[in-house]
Amino acid sequence: MPEPRILDVRSLVPMERHHQIFETYERLKPGERFVLVNDHDPKPLYYQFEAEHKEKFTWQYLEQGPQMWRVQIGRR
């Protein structure tokens, strides 16, 4: 399986981040994933995925702060 794409949103203004993340997710084919890099715990984003894509996504923390969070997000 190829390495997942890295999506580093730390340089984006906060209101652009979720749009970019969901746009990246929507382009995934089943079984594909990407790694989100963020400057804070994206737990609210998890809840948004849970509400909008229940049981259709995967979420795995790869790094949990304190400076950087990396989460692998995939499409089931």
PDB file of N, CA and C in Angstrom:
ATOM      1  N   MET A   1       0.850  -1.178   0.000  1.00  0.00           N
ATOM      2  CA  MET A   1       0.000   0.000   0.000  1.00  0.00           C
ATOM      3  C   MET A   1       0.899   1.246   0.000  1.00  0.00           C
ATOM      4  N   PRO A   2       0.610   2.213  -0.857  1.00  0.00           N
ATOM      5  CA  PRO A   2       1.457   3.410  -0.901  1.00  0.00           C
ATOM      6  C   PRO A   2       1.351   4.228   0.383  1.00  0.00           C
ATOM      7  N   GLU A   3       2.375   5.022   0.613  1.00  0.00           N
ATOM      8  CA  GLU A   3       2.374   5.903   1.780  1.00  0.00           C
ATOM      9  C   GLU A   3       1.207   6.890   1.667  1.00  0.00           C
ATOM     10  N   PRO A   4       0.543   7.182   2.776  1.00  0.00           N
ATOM     11  CA  PRO A   4      -0.572   8.132   2.715  1.00  0.00           C
ATOM     12  C   PRO A   4      -0.080   9.558   2.467  1.00  0.00           C
ATOM     13  N   ARG A   5      -0.920  10.338   1.818  1.00  0.00           N
ATOM     14  CA  ARG A   5      -0.640  11.754   1.589  1.00  0.00           C
ATOM     15  C   ARG A   5      -0.591  12.467   2.938  1.00  0.00           C
ATOM     16  N   ILE A   6       0.276  13.461   3.046  1.00  0.00           N
ATOM     17  CA  ILE A   6       0.368  14.284   4.252  1.00  0.00           C
ATOM     18  C   ILE A   6      -0.396  15.583   3.994  1.00  0.00           C
ATOM     19  N   LEU A   7      -1.306  15.916   4.897  1.00  0.00           N
ATOM     20  CA  LEU A   7      -2.032  17.180   4.814  1.00  0.00           C
ATOM     21  C   LEU A   7      -1.686  17.985   6.063  1.00  0.00           C
ATOM     22  N   ASP A   8      -0.802  18.950   5.909  1.00  0.00           N
ATOM     23  CA  ASP A   8      -0.363  19.794   7.020  1.00  0.00           C
ATOM     24  C   ASP A   8      -1.178  21.086   6.979  1.00  0.00           C
ATOM     25  N   VAL A   9      -2.073  21.252   7.941  1.00  0.00           N
ATOM     26  CA  VAL A   9      -2.959  22.424   7.947  1.00  0.00           C
ATOM     27  C   VAL A   9      -2.480  23.518   8.897  1.00  0.00           C
ATOM     28  N   ARG A  10      -1.310  23.361   9.473  1.00  0.00           N
ATOM     29  CA  ARG A  10      -0.844  24.328  10.469  1.00  0.00           C
ATOM     30  C   ARG A  10      -0.683  25.731   9.912  1.00  0.00           C
ATOM     31  N   SER A  11      -0.401  25.867   8.621  1.00  0.00           N
ATOM     32  CA  SER A  11      -0.205  27.203   8.053  1.00  0.00           C
ATOM     33  C   SER A  11      -1.509  27.840   7.570  1.00  0.00           C
ATOM     34  N   LEU A  12      -2.610  27.083   7.585  1.00  0.00           N
ATOM     35  CA  LEU A  12      -3.898  27.621   7.147  1.00  0.00           C
ATOM     36  C   LEU A  12      -4.592  28.357   8.287  1.00  0.00           C
ATOM     37  N   VAL A  13      -5.380  29.364   7.940  1.00  0.00           N
ATOM     38  CA  VAL A  13      -6.188  30.020   8.973  1.00  0.00           C
ATOM     39  C   VAL A  13      -7.243  29.013   9.435  1.00  0.00           C
ATOM     40  N   PRO A  14      -7.615  29.058  10.711  1.00  0.00           N
ATOM     41  CA  PRO A  14      -8.509  28.031  11.247  1.00  0.00           C
ATOM     42  C   PRO A  14      -9.802  27.810  10.447  1.00  0.00           C
ATOM     43  N   MET A  15     -10.404  28.859   9.924  1.00  0.00           N
ATOM     44  CA  MET A  15     -11.673  28.652   9.227  1.00  0.00           C
ATOM     45  C   MET A  15     -11.519  27.923   7.894  1.00  0.00           C
ATOM     46  N   GLU A  16     -10.299  27.814   7.370  1.00  0.00           N
ATOM     47  CA  GLU A  16     -10.064  27.083   6.113  1.00  0.00           C
ATOM     48  C   GLU A  16      -9.708  25.622   6.356  1.00  0.00           C
ATOM     49  N   ARG A  17      -9.341  25.276   7.565  1.00  0.00           N
ATOM     50  CA  ARG A  17      -8.815  23.942   7.839  1.00  0.00           C
ATOM     51  C   ARG A  17      -9.838  22.834   7.594  1.00  0.00           C
ATOM     52  N   HIS A  18     -11.022  22.941   8.188  1.00  0.00           N
ATOM     53  CA  HIS A  18     -12.012  21.869   8.054  1.00  0.00           C
ATOM     54  C   HIS A  18     -12.408  21.674   6.599  1.00  0.00           C
ATOM     55  N   HIS A  19     -12.556  22.767   5.857  1.00  0.00           N
ATOM     56  CA  HIS A  19     -12.890  22.657   4.439  1.00  0.00           C
ATOM     57  C   HIS A  19     -11.831  21.839   3.707  1.00  0.00           C
ATOM     58  N   GLN A  20     -10.580  22.145   3.927  1.00  0.00           N
ATOM     59  CA  GLN A  20      -9.479  21.449   3.266  1.00  0.00           C
ATOM     60  C   GLN A  20      -9.437  19.976   3.679  1.00  0.00           C
ATOM     61  N   ILE A  21      -9.665  19.710   4.953  1.00  0.00           N
ATOM     62  CA  ILE A  21      -9.626  18.338   5.456  1.00  0.00           C
ATOM     63  C   ILE A  21     -10.743  17.508   4.836  1.00  0.00           C
ATOM     64  N   PHE A  22     -11.953  18.042   4.828  1.00  0.00           N
ATOM     65  CA  PHE A  22     -13.077  17.281   4.274  1.00  0.00           C
ATOM     66  C   PHE A  22     -12.971  17.140   2.762  1.00  0.00           C
ATOM     67  N   GLU A  23     -12.419  18.132   2.097  1.00  0.00           N
ATOM     68  CA  GLU A  23     -12.184  18.025   0.656  1.00  0.00           C
ATOM     69  C   GLU A  23     -11.194  16.890   0.371  1.00  0.00           C
ATOM     70  N   THR A  24     -10.150  16.786   1.162  1.00  0.00           N
ATOM     71  CA  THR A  24      -9.169  15.715   1.005  1.00  0.00           C
ATOM     72  C   THR A  24      -9.821  14.364   1.272  1.00  0.00           C
ATOM     73  N   TYR A  25     -10.632  14.284   2.317  1.00  0.00           N
ATOM     74  CA  TYR A  25     -11.324  13.029   2.643  1.00  0.00           C
ATOM     75  C   TYR A  25     -12.245  12.601   1.507  1.00  0.00           C
ATOM     76  N   GLU A  26     -12.980  13.538   0.946  1.00  0.00           N
ATOM     77  CA  GLU A  26     -13.942  13.214  -0.116  1.00  0.00           C
ATOM     78  C   GLU A  26     -13.258  12.645  -1.356  1.00  0.00           C
ATOM     79  N   ARG A  27     -11.993  13.004  -1.579  1.00  0.00           N
ATOM     80  CA  ARG A  27     -11.261  12.496  -2.746  1.00  0.00           C
ATOM     81  C   ARG A  27     -10.697  11.088  -2.533  1.00  0.00           C
ATOM     82  N   LEU A  28     -10.743  10.597  -1.296  1.00  0.00           N
ATOM     83  CA  LEU A  28     -10.222   9.258  -1.023  1.00  0.00           C
ATOM     84  C   LEU A  28     -11.125   8.187  -1.622  1.00  0.00           C
ATOM     85  N   LYS A  29     -10.494   7.144  -2.123  1.00  0.00           N
ATOM     86  CA  LYS A  29     -11.219   5.943  -2.536  1.00  0.00           C
ATOM     87  C   LYS A  29     -11.287   5.032  -1.317  1.00  0.00           C
ATOM     88  N   PRO A  30     -12.230   4.090  -1.287  1.00  0.00           N
ATOM     89  CA  PRO A  30     -12.280   3.161  -0.154  1.00  0.00           C
ATOM     90  C   PRO A  30     -10.928   2.477   0.062  1.00  0.00           C
ATOM     91  N   GLY A  31     -10.493   2.452   1.301  1.00  0.00           N
ATOM     92  CA  GLY A  31      -9.221   1.854   1.662  1.00  0.00           C
ATOM     93  C   GLY A  31      -8.056   2.835   1.670  1.00  0.00           C
ATOM     94  N   GLU A  32      -8.238   4.025   1.101  1.00  0.00           N
ATOM     95  CA  GLU A  32      -7.177   5.027   1.103  1.00  0.00           C
ATOM     96  C   GLU A  32      -7.226   5.845   2.388  1.00  0.00           C
ATOM     97  N   ARG A  33      -6.108   6.518   2.666  1.00  0.00           N
ATOM     98  CA  ARG A  33      -6.013   7.312   3.889  1.00  0.00           C
ATOM     99  C   ARG A  33      -5.066   8.481   3.668  1.00  0.00           C
ATOM    100  N   PHE A  34      -5.110   9.441   4.582  1.00  0.00           N
ATOM    101  CA  PHE A  34      -4.150  10.539   4.591  1.00  0.00           C
ATOM    102  C   PHE A  34      -3.777  10.824   6.032  1.00  0.00           C
ATOM    103  N   VAL A  35      -2.668  11.539   6.213  1.00  0.00           N
ATOM    104  CA  VAL A  35      -2.220  11.906   7.557  1.00  0.00           C
ATOM    105  C   VAL A  35      -2.415  13.403   7.728  1.00  0.00           C
ATOM    106  N   LEU A  36      -3.224  13.753   8.688  1.00  0.00           N
ATOM    107  CA  LEU A  36      -3.477  15.142   9.044  1.00  0.00           C
ATOM    108  C   LEU A  36      -2.419  15.586  10.050  1.00  0.00           C
ATOM    109  N   VAL A  37      -1.780  16.725   9.794  1.00  0.00           N
ATOM    110  CA  VAL A  37      -0.816  17.313  10.721  1.00  0.00           C
ATOM    111  C   VAL A  37      -1.426  18.617  11.215  1.00  0.00           C
ATOM    112  N   ASN A  38      -1.525  18.763  12.535  1.00  0.00           N
ATOM    113  CA  ASN A  38      -2.203  19.917  13.117  1.00  0.00           C
ATOM    114  C   ASN A  38      -1.424  20.418  14.329  1.00  0.00           C
ATOM    115  N   ASP A  39      -1.712  21.637  14.751  1.00  0.00           N
ATOM    116  CA  ASP A  39      -1.018  22.230  15.897  1.00  0.00           C
ATOM    117  C   ASP A  39      -1.795  22.095  17.204  1.00  0.00           C
ATOM    118  N   HIS A  40      -2.919  21.386  17.165  1.00  0.00           N
ATOM    119  CA  HIS A  40      -3.692  21.110  18.375  1.00  0.00           C
ATOM    120  C   HIS A  40      -4.449  19.794  18.174  1.00  0.00           C
ATOM    121  N   ASP A  41      -4.970  19.256  19.246  1.00  0.00           N
ATOM    122  CA  ASP A  41      -5.726  18.008  19.170  1.00  0.00           C
ATOM    123  C   ASP A  41      -6.990  18.244  18.339  1.00  0.00           C
ATOM    124  N   PRO A  42      -7.157  17.528  17.236  1.00  0.00           N
ATOM    125  CA  PRO A  42      -8.321  17.763  16.376  1.00  0.00           C
ATOM    126  C   PRO A  42      -9.563  16.989  16.821  1.00  0.00           C
ATOM    127  N   LYS A  43      -9.732  16.786  18.114  1.00  0.00           N
ATOM    128  CA  LYS A  43     -10.869  16.012  18.632  1.00  0.00           C
ATOM    129  C   LYS A  43     -12.222  16.543  18.141  1.00  0.00           C
ATOM    130  N   PRO A  44     -12.447  17.871  18.082  1.00  0.00           N
ATOM    131  CA  PRO A  44     -13.727  18.345  17.532  1.00  0.00           C
ATOM    132  C   PRO A  44     -13.951  17.884  16.087  1.00  0.00           C
ATOM    133  N   LEU A  45     -12.872  17.769  15.332  1.00  0.00           N
ATOM    134  CA  LEU A  45     -12.965  17.278  13.965  1.00  0.00           C
ATOM    135  C   LEU A  45     -13.436  15.823  13.959  1.00  0.00           C
ATOM    136  N   TYR A  46     -12.958  15.039  14.908  1.00  0.00           N
ATOM    137  CA  TYR A  46     -13.410  13.645  15.027  1.00  0.00           C
ATOM    138  C   TYR A  46     -14.929  13.595  15.188  1.00  0.00           C
ATOM    139  N   TYR A  47     -15.457  14.442  16.057  1.00  0.00           N
ATOM    140  CA  TYR A  47     -16.905  14.460  16.292  1.00  0.00           C
ATOM    141  C   TYR A  47     -17.666  14.878  15.040  1.00  0.00           C
ATOM    142  N   GLN A  48     -17.095  15.779  14.251  1.00  0.00           N
ATOM    143  CA  GLN A  48     -17.727  16.185  13.001  1.00  0.00           C
ATOM    144  C   GLN A  48     -17.727  15.014  12.007  1.00  0.00           C
ATOM    145  N   PHE A  49     -16.612  14.297  11.920  1.00  0.00           N
ATOM    146  CA  PHE A  49     -16.574  13.102  11.072  1.00  0.00           C
ATOM    147  C   PHE A  49     -17.603  12.090  11.549  1.00  0.00           C
ATOM    148  N   GLU A  50     -17.690  11.884  12.851  1.00  0.00           N
ATOM    149  CA  GLU A  50     -18.635  10.926  13.416  1.00  0.00           C
ATOM    150  C   GLU A  50     -20.074  11.304  13.060  1.00  0.00           C
ATOM    151  N   ALA A  51     -20.388  12.587  13.082  1.00  0.00           N
ATOM    152  CA  ALA A  51     -21.744  13.044  12.766  1.00  0.00           C
ATOM    153  C   ALA A  51     -22.057  12.927  11.271  1.00  0.00           C
ATOM    154  N   GLU A  52     -21.073  13.226  10.424  1.00  0.00           N
ATOM    155  CA  GLU A  52     -21.329  13.300   8.985  1.00  0.00           C
ATOM    156  C   GLU A  52     -20.968  12.029   8.221  1.00  0.00           C
ATOM    157  N   HIS A  53     -20.073  11.214   8.765  1.00  0.00           N
ATOM    158  CA  HIS A  53     -19.574  10.032   8.043  1.00  0.00           C
ATOM    159  C   HIS A  53     -19.541   8.805   8.955  1.00  0.00           C
ATOM    160  N   LYS A  54     -20.514   8.664   9.809  1.00  0.00           N
ATOM    161  CA  LYS A  54     -20.538   7.602  10.814  1.00  0.00           C
ATOM    162  C   LYS A  54     -20.214   6.240  10.187  1.00  0.00           C
ATOM    163  N   GLU A  55     -19.227   5.574  10.773  1.00  0.00           N
ATOM    164  CA  GLU A  55     -18.789   4.230  10.390  1.00  0.00           C
ATOM    165  C   GLU A  55     -18.226   4.154   8.968  1.00  0.00           C
ATOM    166  N   LYS A  56     -17.945   5.282   8.340  1.00  0.00           N
ATOM    167  CA  LYS A  56     -17.376   5.290   6.989  1.00  0.00           C
ATOM    168  C   LYS A  56     -15.930   5.766   6.984  1.00  0.00           C
ATOM    169  N   PHE A  57     -15.388   6.090   8.155  1.00  0.00           N
ATOM    170  CA  PHE A  57     -14.024   6.616   8.241  1.00  0.00           C
ATOM    171  C   PHE A  57     -13.246   5.884   9.328  1.00  0.00           C
ATOM    172  N   THR A  58     -11.924   5.989   9.227  1.00  0.00           N
ATOM    173  CA  THR A  58     -11.048   5.483  10.289  1.00  0.00           C
ATOM    174  C   THR A  58     -10.270   6.665  10.852  1.00  0.00           C
ATOM    175  N   TRP A  59      -9.870   6.550  12.089  1.00  0.00           N
ATOM    176  CA  TRP A  59      -9.177   7.634  12.803  1.00  0.00           C
ATOM    177  C   TRP A  59      -8.132   7.010  13.705  1.00  0.00           C
ATOM    178  N   GLN A  60      -6.872   7.317  13.469  1.00  0.00           N
ATOM    179  CA  GLN A  60      -5.799   6.750  14.298  1.00  0.00           C
ATOM    180  C   GLN A  60      -4.778   7.829  14.617  1.00  0.00           C
ATOM    181  N   TYR A  61      -4.615   8.105  15.909  1.00  0.00           N
ATOM    182  CA  TYR A  61      -3.581   9.049  16.319  1.00  0.00           C
ATOM    183  C   TYR A  61      -2.211   8.427  16.081  1.00  0.00           C
ATOM    184  N   LEU A  62      -1.321   9.172  15.431  1.00  0.00           N
ATOM    185  CA  LEU A  62       0.061   8.750  15.243  1.00  0.00           C
ATOM    186  C   LEU A  62       0.999   9.522  16.166  1.00  0.00           C
ATOM    187  N   GLU A  63       0.606  10.749  16.519  1.00  0.00           N
ATOM    188  CA  GLU A  63       1.382  11.601  17.425  1.00  0.00           C
ATOM    189  C   GLU A  63       0.394  12.526  18.133  1.00  0.00           C
ATOM    190  N   GLN A  64       0.556  12.686  19.443  1.00  0.00           N
ATOM    191  CA  GLN A  64      -0.386  13.473  20.235  1.00  0.00           C
ATOM    192  C   GLN A  64       0.316  14.544  21.047  1.00  0.00           C
ATOM    193  N   GLY A  65       0.794  15.591  20.354  1.00  0.00           N
ATOM    194  CA  GLY A  65       1.317  16.776  20.978  1.00  0.00           C
ATOM    195  C   GLY A  65       2.613  16.584  21.740  1.00  0.00           C
ATOM    196  N   PRO A  66       3.025  17.599  22.453  1.00  0.00           N
ATOM    197  CA  PRO A  66       2.281  18.835  22.715  1.00  0.00           C
ATOM    198  C   PRO A  66       2.377  19.880  21.599  1.00  0.00           C
ATOM    199  N   GLN A  67       3.358  19.773  20.711  1.00  0.00           N
ATOM    200  CA  GLN A  67       3.532  20.778  19.651  1.00  0.00           C
ATOM    201  C   GLN A  67       2.787  20.400  18.367  1.00  0.00           C
ATOM    202  N   MET A  68       2.704  19.105  18.104  1.00  0.00           N
ATOM    203  CA  MET A  68       2.143  18.644  16.840  1.00  0.00           C
ATOM    204  C   MET A  68       1.299  17.393  17.062  1.00  0.00           C
ATOM    205  N   TRP A  69       0.181  17.339  16.356  1.00  0.00           N
ATOM    206  CA  TRP A  69      -0.664  16.157  16.346  1.00  0.00           C
ATOM    207  C   TRP A  69      -0.691  15.622  14.924  1.00  0.00           C
ATOM    208  N   ARG A  70      -0.571  14.302  14.811  1.00  0.00           N
ATOM    209  CA  ARG A  70      -0.694  13.638  13.511  1.00  0.00           C
ATOM    210  C   ARG A  70      -1.745  12.554  13.641  1.00  0.00           C
ATOM    211  N   VAL A  71      -2.736  12.607  12.733  1.00  0.00           N
ATOM    212  CA  VAL A  71      -3.828  11.647  12.757  1.00  0.00           C
ATOM    213  C   VAL A  71      -3.976  11.061  11.360  1.00  0.00           C
ATOM    214  N   GLN A  72      -4.018   9.733  11.313  1.00  0.00           N
ATOM    215  CA  GLN A  72      -4.282   9.078  10.039  1.00  0.00           C
ATOM    216  C   GLN A  72      -5.797   8.895   9.897  1.00  0.00           C
ATOM    217  N   ILE A  73      -6.342   9.451   8.819  1.00  0.00           N
ATOM    218  CA  ILE A  73      -7.773   9.405   8.556  1.00  0.00           C
ATOM    219  C   ILE A  73      -7.974   8.634   7.259  1.00  0.00           C
ATOM    220  N   GLY A  74      -8.859   7.669   7.285  1.00  0.00           N
ATOM    221  CA  GLY A  74      -9.088   6.852   6.103  1.00  0.00           C
ATOM    222  C   GLY A  74     -10.555   6.702   5.786  1.00  0.00           C
ATOM    223  N   ARG A  75     -10.808   6.191   4.579  1.00  0.00           N
ATOM    224  CA  ARG A  75     -12.176   5.898   4.140  1.00  0.00           C
ATOM    225  C   ARG A  75     -12.324   4.383   4.139  1.00  0.00           C
ATOM    226  N   ARG A  76     -13.338   3.900   4.829  1.00  0.00           N
ATOM    227  CA  ARG A  76     -13.612   2.439   4.873  1.00  0.00           C
ATOM    228  C   ARG A  76     -14.128   1.963   3.543  1.00  0.00           C
TER     229      ARG A  76
END
